[in-house]
Amino acid sequence: MSQKALPPIEITEVIYDRMYVQINHPDLRKSLLTYRILNSVNKLIRKGSFVGEYIQLSLVHMPDGNYKIYLSEQEGSEYSFEFLKRSNS
């Protein structure tokens, strides 16, 4: 029986206070990843970078809505994900 391969990167799709980013690919865990978060009209809301296997981003300051996060590595690969930010009330 074959095991299904994990995607290289996984994120939390519905965010209340924190986004959790899981880096599953061993090479990506060692790479500097930069990220950009854009709102529904493609305005840059936040950017930064990190290295590691498991990252938490605090997004409590962001208003409710639909967003995209783009994760890029120095070698040029880019991953994009859509997510929904909701109030924790």
PDB file of N, CA and C in Angstrom:
ATOM      1  N   MET A   1       0.845  -1.184   0.000  1.00  0.00           N
ATOM      2  CA  MET A   1       0.000   0.000   0.000  1.00  0.00           C
ATOM      3  C   MET A   1       0.888   1.244   0.000  1.00  0.00           C
ATOM      4  N   SER A   2       0.681   2.127  -0.950  1.00  0.00           N
ATOM      5  CA  SER A   2       1.518   3.327  -1.042  1.00  0.00           C
ATOM      6  C   SER A   2       0.968   4.438  -0.144  1.00  0.00           C
ATOM      7  N   GLN A   3       1.906   5.204   0.366  1.00  0.00           N
ATOM      8  CA  GLN A   3       1.549   6.335   1.215  1.00  0.00           C
ATOM      9  C   GLN A   3       1.455   7.586   0.363  1.00  0.00           C
ATOM     10  N   LYS A   4       0.452   8.409   0.625  1.00  0.00           N
ATOM     11  CA  LYS A   4       0.302   9.667  -0.110  1.00  0.00           C
ATOM     12  C   LYS A   4       1.368  10.651   0.358  1.00  0.00           C
ATOM     13  N   ALA A   5       2.060  11.256  -0.590  1.00  0.00           N
ATOM     14  CA  ALA A   5       3.108  12.224  -0.259  1.00  0.00           C
ATOM     15  C   ALA A   5       2.490  13.506   0.280  1.00  0.00           C
ATOM     16  N   LEU A   6       3.141  14.077   1.271  1.00  0.00           N
ATOM     17  CA  LEU A   6       2.695  15.358   1.815  1.00  0.00           C
ATOM     18  C   LEU A   6       3.042  16.471   0.834  1.00  0.00           C
ATOM     19  N   PRO A   7       2.213  17.517   0.774  1.00  0.00           N
ATOM     20  CA  PRO A   7       2.594  18.677  -0.044  1.00  0.00           C
ATOM     21  C   PRO A   7       3.833  19.337   0.563  1.00  0.00           C
ATOM     22  N   PRO A   8       4.627  20.057  -0.248  1.00  0.00           N
ATOM     23  CA  PRO A   8       5.849  20.684   0.282  1.00  0.00           C
ATOM     24  C   PRO A   8       5.573  21.656   1.418  1.00  0.00           C
ATOM     25  N   ILE A   9       4.446  22.393   1.328  1.00  0.00           N
ATOM     26  CA  ILE A   9       4.088  23.393   2.338  1.00  0.00           C
ATOM     27  C   ILE A   9       2.596  23.284   2.605  1.00  0.00           C
ATOM     28  N   GLU A  10       2.216  23.391   3.887  1.00  0.00           N
ATOM     29  CA  GLU A  10       0.806  23.426   4.263  1.00  0.00           C
ATOM     30  C   GLU A  10       0.577  24.638   5.157  1.00  0.00           C
ATOM     31  N   ILE A  11      -0.616  25.244   5.043  1.00  0.00           N
ATOM     32  CA  ILE A  11      -0.962  26.372   5.911  1.00  0.00           C
ATOM     33  C   ILE A  11      -2.351  26.149   6.496  1.00  0.00           C
ATOM     34  N   THR A  12      -2.649  26.902   7.532  1.00  0.00           N
ATOM     35  CA  THR A  12      -3.992  26.955   8.082  1.00  0.00           C
ATOM     36  C   THR A  12      -4.850  27.750   7.106  1.00  0.00           C
ATOM     37  N   GLU A  13      -6.003  27.219   6.701  1.00  0.00           N
ATOM     38  CA  GLU A  13      -6.820  27.899   5.691  1.00  0.00           C
ATOM     39  C   GLU A  13      -7.821  28.890   6.283  1.00  0.00           C
ATOM     40  N   VAL A  14      -8.213  28.684   7.542  1.00  0.00           N
ATOM     41  CA  VAL A  14      -9.073  29.646   8.231  1.00  0.00           C
ATOM     42  C   VAL A  14      -8.283  30.140   9.442  1.00  0.00           C
ATOM     43  N   ILE A  15      -8.042  31.450   9.480  1.00  0.00           N
ATOM     44  CA  ILE A  15      -7.185  32.065  10.494  1.00  0.00           C
ATOM     45  C   ILE A  15      -8.049  32.862  11.461  1.00  0.00           C
ATOM     46  N   TYR A  16      -7.765  32.723  12.757  1.00  0.00           N
ATOM     47  CA  TYR A  16      -8.396  33.580  13.760  1.00  0.00           C
ATOM     48  C   TYR A  16      -7.332  34.536  14.307  1.00  0.00           C
ATOM     49  N   ASP A  17      -6.340  34.023  14.989  1.00  0.00           N
ATOM     50  CA  ASP A  17      -5.253  34.855  15.505  1.00  0.00           C
ATOM     51  C   ASP A  17      -3.912  34.531  14.847  1.00  0.00           C
ATOM     52  N   ARG A  18      -3.683  33.249  14.570  1.00  0.00           N
ATOM     53  CA  ARG A  18      -2.383  32.820  14.061  1.00  0.00           C
ATOM     54  C   ARG A  18      -2.516  31.938  12.829  1.00  0.00           C
ATOM     55  N   MET A  19      -1.573  32.120  11.917  1.00  0.00           N
ATOM     56  CA  MET A  19      -1.436  31.215  10.784  1.00  0.00           C
ATOM     57  C   MET A  19      -0.314  30.247  11.126  1.00  0.00           C
ATOM     58  N   TYR A  20      -0.548  28.996  10.878  1.00  0.00           N
ATOM     59  CA  TYR A  20       0.459  27.967  11.096  1.00  0.00           C
ATOM     60  C   TYR A  20       0.941  27.494   9.736  1.00  0.00           C
ATOM     61  N   VAL A  21       2.261  27.537   9.538  1.00  0.00           N
ATOM     62  CA  VAL A  21       2.876  27.122   8.284  1.00  0.00           C
ATOM     63  C   VAL A  21       3.754  25.920   8.585  1.00  0.00           C
ATOM     64  N   GLN A  22       3.462  24.803   7.922  1.00  0.00           N
ATOM     65  CA  GLN A  22       4.226  23.564   8.084  1.00  0.00           C
ATOM     66  C   GLN A  22       5.034  23.340   6.816  1.00  0.00           C
ATOM     67  N   ILE A  23       6.353  23.266   6.952  1.00  0.00           N
ATOM     68  CA  ILE A  23       7.238  23.009   5.822  1.00  0.00           C
ATOM     69  C   ILE A  23       7.573  21.516   5.840  1.00  0.00           C
ATOM     70  N   ASN A  24       7.073  20.789   4.862  1.00  0.00           N
ATOM     71  CA  ASN A  24       7.247  19.335   4.832  1.00  0.00           C
ATOM     72  C   ASN A  24       8.466  18.885   4.029  1.00  0.00           C
ATOM     73  N   HIS A  25       8.878  19.652   3.053  1.00  0.00           N
ATOM     74  CA  HIS A  25       9.998  19.251   2.194  1.00  0.00           C
ATOM     75  C   HIS A  25      11.319  19.553   2.907  1.00  0.00           C
ATOM     76  N   PRO A  26      12.213  18.543   3.028  1.00  0.00           N
ATOM     77  CA  PRO A  26      13.464  18.757   3.787  1.00  0.00           C
ATOM     78  C   PRO A  26      14.345  19.876   3.245  1.00  0.00           C
ATOM     79  N   ASP A  27      14.399  20.048   1.915  1.00  0.00           N
ATOM     80  CA  ASP A  27      15.226  21.125   1.352  1.00  0.00           C
ATOM     81  C   ASP A  27      14.642  22.498   1.680  1.00  0.00           C
ATOM     82  N   LEU A  28      13.312  22.618   1.661  1.00  0.00           N
ATOM     83  CA  LEU A  28      12.678  23.901   1.980  1.00  0.00           C
ATOM     84  C   LEU A  28      12.868  24.281   3.443  1.00  0.00           C
ATOM     85  N   ARG A  29      12.976  23.285   4.314  1.00  0.00           N
ATOM     86  CA  ARG A  29      13.193  23.559   5.751  1.00  0.00           C
ATOM     87  C   ARG A  29      14.516  24.280   5.997  1.00  0.00           C
ATOM     88  N   LYS A  30      15.482  24.064   5.117  1.00  0.00           N
ATOM     89  CA  LYS A  30      16.807  24.665   5.269  1.00  0.00           C
ATOM     90  C   LYS A  30      16.931  25.989   4.520  1.00  0.00           C
ATOM     91  N   SER A  31      15.964  26.278   3.654  1.00  0.00           N
ATOM     92  CA  SER A  31      16.031  27.475   2.807  1.00  0.00           C
ATOM     93  C   SER A  31      15.404  28.680   3.503  1.00  0.00           C
ATOM     94  N   LEU A  32      15.908  29.842   3.139  1.00  0.00           N
ATOM     95  CA  LEU A  32      15.266  31.080   3.563  1.00  0.00           C
ATOM     96  C   LEU A  32      14.035  31.270   2.695  1.00  0.00           C
ATOM     97  N   LEU A  33      12.869  31.302   3.330  1.00  0.00           N
ATOM     98  CA  LEU A  33      11.612  31.520   2.616  1.00  0.00           C
ATOM     99  C   LEU A  33      11.130  32.936   2.913  1.00  0.00           C
ATOM    100  N   THR A  34      10.777  33.658   1.888  1.00  0.00           N
ATOM    101  CA  THR A  34      10.181  34.976   2.072  1.00  0.00           C
ATOM    102  C   THR A  34       8.686  34.837   1.820  1.00  0.00           C
ATOM    103  N   TYR A  35       7.925  35.658   2.516  1.00  0.00           N
ATOM    104  CA  TYR A  35       6.484  35.603   2.314  1.00  0.00           C
ATOM    105  C   TYR A  35       5.919  36.998   2.116  1.00  0.00           C
ATOM    106  N   ARG A  36       4.807  37.042   1.373  1.00  0.00           N
ATOM    107  CA  ARG A  36       4.035  38.266   1.163  1.00  0.00           C
ATOM    108  C   ARG A  36       2.574  37.905   1.363  1.00  0.00           C
ATOM    109  N   ILE A  37       1.853  38.698   2.133  1.00  0.00           N
ATOM    110  CA  ILE A  37       0.415  38.513   2.308  1.00  0.00           C
ATOM    111  C   ILE A  37      -0.278  39.687   1.639  1.00  0.00           C
ATOM    112  N   LEU A  38      -1.206  39.372   0.720  1.00  0.00           N
ATOM    113  CA  LEU A  38      -1.958  40.390  -0.015  1.00  0.00           C
ATOM    114  C   LEU A  38      -3.436  40.237   0.274  1.00  0.00           C
ATOM    115  N   ASN A  39      -4.139  41.364   0.305  1.00  0.00           N
ATOM    116  CA  ASN A  39      -5.590  41.304   0.533  1.00  0.00           C
ATOM    117  C   ASN A  39      -6.309  41.027  -0.787  1.00  0.00           C
ATOM    118  N   SER A  40      -7.638  41.103  -0.768  1.00  0.00           N
ATOM    119  CA  SER A  40      -8.448  40.738  -1.939  1.00  0.00           C
ATOM    120  C   SER A  40      -8.283  41.691  -3.127  1.00  0.00           C
ATOM    121  N   VAL A  41      -7.734  42.881  -2.901  1.00  0.00           N
ATOM    122  CA  VAL A  41      -7.462  43.808  -4.013  1.00  0.00           C
ATOM    123  C   VAL A  41      -5.955  43.892  -4.308  1.00  0.00           C
ATOM    124  N   ASN A  42      -5.227  42.849  -3.901  1.00  0.00           N
ATOM    125  CA  ASN A  42      -3.789  42.695  -4.146  1.00  0.00           C
ATOM    126  C   ASN A  42      -2.923  43.767  -3.507  1.00  0.00           C
ATOM    127  N   LYS A  43      -3.374  44.338  -2.403  1.00  0.00           N
ATOM    128  CA  LYS A  43      -2.559  45.284  -1.639  1.00  0.00           C
ATOM    129  C   LYS A  43      -1.701  44.494  -0.653  1.00  0.00           C
ATOM    130  N   LEU A  44      -0.412  44.823  -0.610  1.00  0.00           N
ATOM    131  CA  LEU A  44       0.506  44.159   0.303  1.00  0.00           C
ATOM    132  C   LEU A  44       0.157  44.522   1.746  1.00  0.00           C
ATOM    133  N   ILE A  45      -0.092  43.523   2.565  1.00  0.00           N
ATOM    134  CA  ILE A  45      -0.459  43.722   3.967  1.00  0.00           C
ATOM    135  C   ILE A  45       0.724  43.459   4.889  1.00  0.00           C
ATOM    136  N   ARG A  46       1.516  42.445   4.548  1.00  0.00           N
ATOM    137  CA  ARG A  46       2.631  42.062   5.410  1.00  0.00           C
ATOM    138  C   ARG A  46       3.636  41.270   4.587  1.00  0.00           C
ATOM    139  N   LYS A  47       4.912  41.396   4.972  1.00  0.00           N
ATOM    140  CA  LYS A  47       5.957  40.605   4.335  1.00  0.00           C
ATOM    141  C   LYS A  47       7.026  40.286   5.358  1.00  0.00           C
ATOM    142  N   GLY A  48       7.814  39.268   5.058  1.00  0.00           N
ATOM    143  CA  GLY A  48       8.875  38.873   5.964  1.00  0.00           C
ATOM    144  C   GLY A  48       9.575  37.635   5.435  1.00  0.00           C
ATOM    145  N   SER A  49      10.367  37.012   6.290  1.00  0.00           N
ATOM    146  CA  SER A  49      11.086  35.801   5.897  1.00  0.00           C
ATOM    147  C   SER A  49      11.322  34.930   7.123  1.00  0.00           C
ATOM    148  N   PHE A  50      11.603  33.660   6.859  1.00  0.00           N
ATOM    149  CA  PHE A  50      11.869  32.714   7.941  1.00  0.00           C
ATOM    150  C   PHE A  50      12.587  31.492   7.397  1.00  0.00           C
ATOM    151  N   VAL A  51      13.169  30.725   8.307  1.00  0.00           N
ATOM    152  CA  VAL A  51      13.771  29.428   8.023  1.00  0.00           C
ATOM    153  C   VAL A  51      13.217  28.474   9.061  1.00  0.00           C
ATOM    154  N   GLY A  52      12.845  27.280   8.647  1.00  0.00           N
ATOM    155  CA  GLY A  52      12.419  26.303   9.634  1.00  0.00           C
ATOM    156  C   GLY A  52      11.335  25.377   9.139  1.00  0.00           C
ATOM    157  N   GLU A  53      10.924  24.495  10.045  1.00  0.00           N
ATOM    158  CA  GLU A  53       9.936  23.470   9.716  1.00  0.00           C
ATOM    159  C   GLU A  53       8.515  23.882  10.072  1.00  0.00           C
ATOM    160  N   TYR A  54       8.368  24.658  11.138  1.00  0.00           N
ATOM    161  CA  TYR A  54       7.045  24.988  11.638  1.00  0.00           C
ATOM    162  C   TYR A  54       7.049  26.447  12.079  1.00  0.00           C
ATOM    163  N   ILE A  55       6.224  27.271  11.462  1.00  0.00           N
ATOM    164  CA  ILE A  55       6.224  28.711  11.703  1.00  0.00           C
ATOM    165  C   ILE A  55       4.820  29.155  12.113  1.00  0.00           C
ATOM    166  N   GLN A  56       4.758  30.101  13.039  1.00  0.00           N
ATOM    167  CA  GLN A  56       3.494  30.731  13.427  1.00  0.00           C
ATOM    168  C   GLN A  56       3.582  32.215  13.094  1.00  0.00           C
ATOM    169  N   LEU A  57       2.572  32.714  12.391  1.00  0.00           N
ATOM    170  CA  LEU A  57       2.499  34.137  12.085  1.00  0.00           C
ATOM    171  C   LEU A  57       1.288  34.717  12.794  1.00  0.00           C
ATOM    172  N   SER A  58       1.491  35.744  13.597  1.00  0.00           N
ATOM    173  CA  SER A  58       0.373  36.398  14.276  1.00  0.00           C
ATOM    174  C   SER A  58      -0.316  37.339  13.300  1.00  0.00           C
ATOM    175  N   LEU A  59      -1.599  37.081  13.047  1.00  0.00           N
ATOM    176  CA  LEU A  59      -2.368  37.895  12.111  1.00  0.00           C
ATOM    177  C   LEU A  59      -3.565  38.540  12.793  1.00  0.00           C
ATOM    178  N   VAL A  60      -3.514  38.642  14.114  1.00  0.00           N
ATOM    179  CA  VAL A  60      -4.628  39.173  14.888  1.00  0.00           C
ATOM    180  C   VAL A  60      -4.972  40.607  14.485  1.00  0.00           C
ATOM    181  N   HIS A  61      -4.000  41.365  14.015  1.00  0.00           N
ATOM    182  CA  HIS A  61      -4.185  42.775  13.644  1.00  0.00           C
ATOM    183  C   HIS A  61      -4.913  42.965  12.313  1.00  0.00           C
ATOM    184  N   MET A  62      -5.021  41.897  11.520  1.00  0.00           N
ATOM    185  CA  MET A  62      -5.609  42.023  10.184  1.00  0.00           C
ATOM    186  C   MET A  62      -7.129  41.975  10.239  1.00  0.00           C
ATOM    187  N   PRO A  63      -7.813  42.769   9.414  1.00  0.00           N
ATOM    188  CA  PRO A  63      -9.283  42.708   9.370  1.00  0.00           C
ATOM    189  C   PRO A  63      -9.761  41.406   8.736  1.00  0.00           C
ATOM    190  N   ASP A  64     -10.997  41.054   9.020  1.00  0.00           N
ATOM    191  CA  ASP A  64     -11.588  39.868   8.413  1.00  0.00           C
ATOM    192  C   ASP A  64     -11.585  40.004   6.900  1.00  0.00           C
ATOM    193  N   GLY A  65     -11.407  38.892   6.203  1.00  0.00           N
ATOM    194  CA  GLY A  65     -11.457  38.923   4.750  1.00  0.00           C
ATOM    195  C   GLY A  65     -10.711  37.774   4.118  1.00  0.00           C
ATOM    196  N   ASN A  66     -10.648  37.799   2.799  1.00  0.00           N
ATOM    197  CA  ASN A  66      -9.922  36.806   2.013  1.00  0.00           C
ATOM    198  C   ASN A  66      -8.547  37.357   1.659  1.00  0.00           C
ATOM    199  N   TYR A  67      -7.544  36.503   1.764  1.00  0.00           N
ATOM    200  CA  TYR A  67      -6.158  36.897   1.525  1.00  0.00           C
ATOM    201  C   TYR A  67      -5.436  35.820   0.738  1.00  0.00           C
ATOM    202  N   LYS A  68      -4.263  36.194   0.224  1.00  0.00           N
ATOM    203  CA  LYS A  68      -3.344  35.242  -0.386  1.00  0.00           C
ATOM    204  C   LYS A  68      -1.989  35.412   0.276  1.00  0.00           C
ATOM    205  N   ILE A  69      -1.315  34.274   0.451  1.00  0.00           N
ATOM    206  CA  ILE A  69       0.073  34.324   0.920  1.00  0.00           C
ATOM    207  C   ILE A  69       0.934  33.689  -0.165  1.00  0.00           C
ATOM    208  N   TYR A  70       2.026  34.352  -0.476  1.00  0.00           N
ATOM    209  CA  TYR A  70       3.003  33.847  -1.436  1.00  0.00           C
ATOM    210  C   TYR A  70       4.277  33.542  -0.669  1.00  0.00           C
ATOM    211  N   LEU A  71       4.780  32.321  -0.816  1.00  0.00           N
ATOM    212  CA  LEU A  71       6.025  31.896  -0.193  1.00  0.00           C
ATOM    213  C   LEU A  71       7.028  31.613  -1.299  1.00  0.00           C
ATOM    214  N   SER A  72       8.206  32.225  -1.214  1.00  0.00           N
ATOM    215  CA  SER A  72       9.232  32.082  -2.259  1.00  0.00           C
ATOM    216  C   SER A  72      10.544  31.669  -1.633  1.00  0.00           C
ATOM    217  N   GLU A  73      11.257  30.813  -2.349  1.00  0.00           N
ATOM    218  CA  GLU A  73      12.609  30.469  -1.911  1.00  0.00           C
ATOM    219  C   GLU A  73      13.616  31.125  -2.839  1.00  0.00           C
ATOM    220  N   GLN A  74      14.852  31.198  -2.402  1.00  0.00           N
ATOM    221  CA  GLN A  74      15.876  31.908  -3.157  1.00  0.00           C
ATOM    222  C   GLN A  74      16.118  31.301  -4.533  1.00  0.00           C
ATOM    223  N   GLU A  75      15.899  29.998  -4.690  1.00  0.00           N
ATOM    224  CA  GLU A  75      16.109  29.339  -5.975  1.00  0.00           C
ATOM    225  C   GLU A  75      15.025  29.685  -6.983  1.00  0.00           C
ATOM    226  N   GLY A  76      13.962  30.381  -6.545  1.00  0.00           N
ATOM    227  CA  GLY A  76      12.950  30.837  -7.476  1.00  0.00           C
ATOM    228  C   GLY A  76      11.602  30.155  -7.375  1.00  0.00           C
ATOM    229  N   SER A  77      11.488  29.051  -6.660  1.00  0.00           N
ATOM    230  CA  SER A  77      10.184  28.391  -6.524  1.00  0.00           C
ATOM    231  C   SER A  77       9.255  29.264  -5.695  1.00  0.00           C
ATOM    232  N   GLU A  78       7.996  29.336  -6.122  1.00  0.00           N
ATOM    233  CA  GLU A  78       7.004  30.123  -5.381  1.00  0.00           C
ATOM    234  C   GLU A  78       5.748  29.282  -5.170  1.00  0.00           C
ATOM    235  N   TYR A  79       5.190  29.395  -3.980  1.00  0.00           N
ATOM    236  CA  TYR A  79       3.973  28.684  -3.601  1.00  0.00           C
ATOM    237  C   TYR A  79       2.958  29.739  -3.172  1.00  0.00           C
ATOM    238  N   SER A  80       1.702  29.560  -3.570  1.00  0.00           N
ATOM    239  CA  SER A  80       0.678  30.521  -3.158  1.00  0.00           C
ATOM    240  C   SER A  80      -0.513  29.769  -2.574  1.00  0.00           C
ATOM    241  N   PHE A  81      -1.134  30.391  -1.576  1.00  0.00           N
ATOM    242  CA  PHE A  81      -2.276  29.818  -0.881  1.00  0.00           C
ATOM    243  C   PHE A  81      -3.280  30.919  -0.589  1.00  0.00           C
ATOM    244  N   GLU A  82      -4.541  30.579  -0.696  1.00  0.00           N
ATOM    245  CA  GLU A  82      -5.594  31.496  -0.273  1.00  0.00           C
ATOM    246  C   GLU A  82      -6.021  31.105   1.131  1.00  0.00           C
ATOM    247  N   PHE A  83      -6.403  32.119   1.939  1.00  0.00           N
ATOM    248  CA  PHE A  83      -6.908  31.827   3.273  1.00  0.00           C
ATOM    249  C   PHE A  83      -7.931  32.865   3.677  1.00  0.00           C
ATOM    250  N   LEU A  84      -8.696  32.523   4.685  1.00  0.00           N
ATOM    251  CA  LEU A  84      -9.752  33.380   5.196  1.00  0.00           C
ATOM    252  C   LEU A  84      -9.385  33.804   6.614  1.00  0.00           C
ATOM    253  N   LYS A  85      -9.426  35.095   6.874  1.00  0.00           N
ATOM    254  CA  LYS A  85      -9.190  35.641   8.213  1.00  0.00           C
ATOM    255  C   LYS A  85     -10.541  35.973   8.835  1.00  0.00           C
ATOM    256  N   ARG A  86     -10.756  35.464  10.045  1.00  0.00           N
ATOM    257  CA  ARG A  86     -12.011  35.721  10.771  1.00  0.00           C
ATOM    258  C   ARG A  86     -11.694  36.218  12.166  1.00  0.00           C
ATOM    259  N   SER A  87     -12.625  36.999  12.708  1.00  0.00           N
ATOM    260  CA  SER A  87     -12.497  37.464  14.096  1.00  0.00           C
ATOM    261  C   SER A  87     -12.662  36.281  15.030  1.00  0.00           C
ATOM    262  N   ASN A  88     -12.049  36.389  16.172  1.00  0.00           N
ATOM    263  CA  ASN A  88     -12.105  35.303  17.156  1.00  0.00           C
ATOM    264  C   ASN A  88     -13.272  35.500  18.130  1.00  0.00           C
ATOM    265  N   SER A  89     -14.296  36.223  17.715  1.00  0.00           N
ATOM    266  CA  SER A  89     -15.417  36.452  18.636  1.00  0.00           C
ATOM    267  C   SER A  89     -16.642  35.652  18.232  1.00  0.00           C
TER     268      SER A  89
END
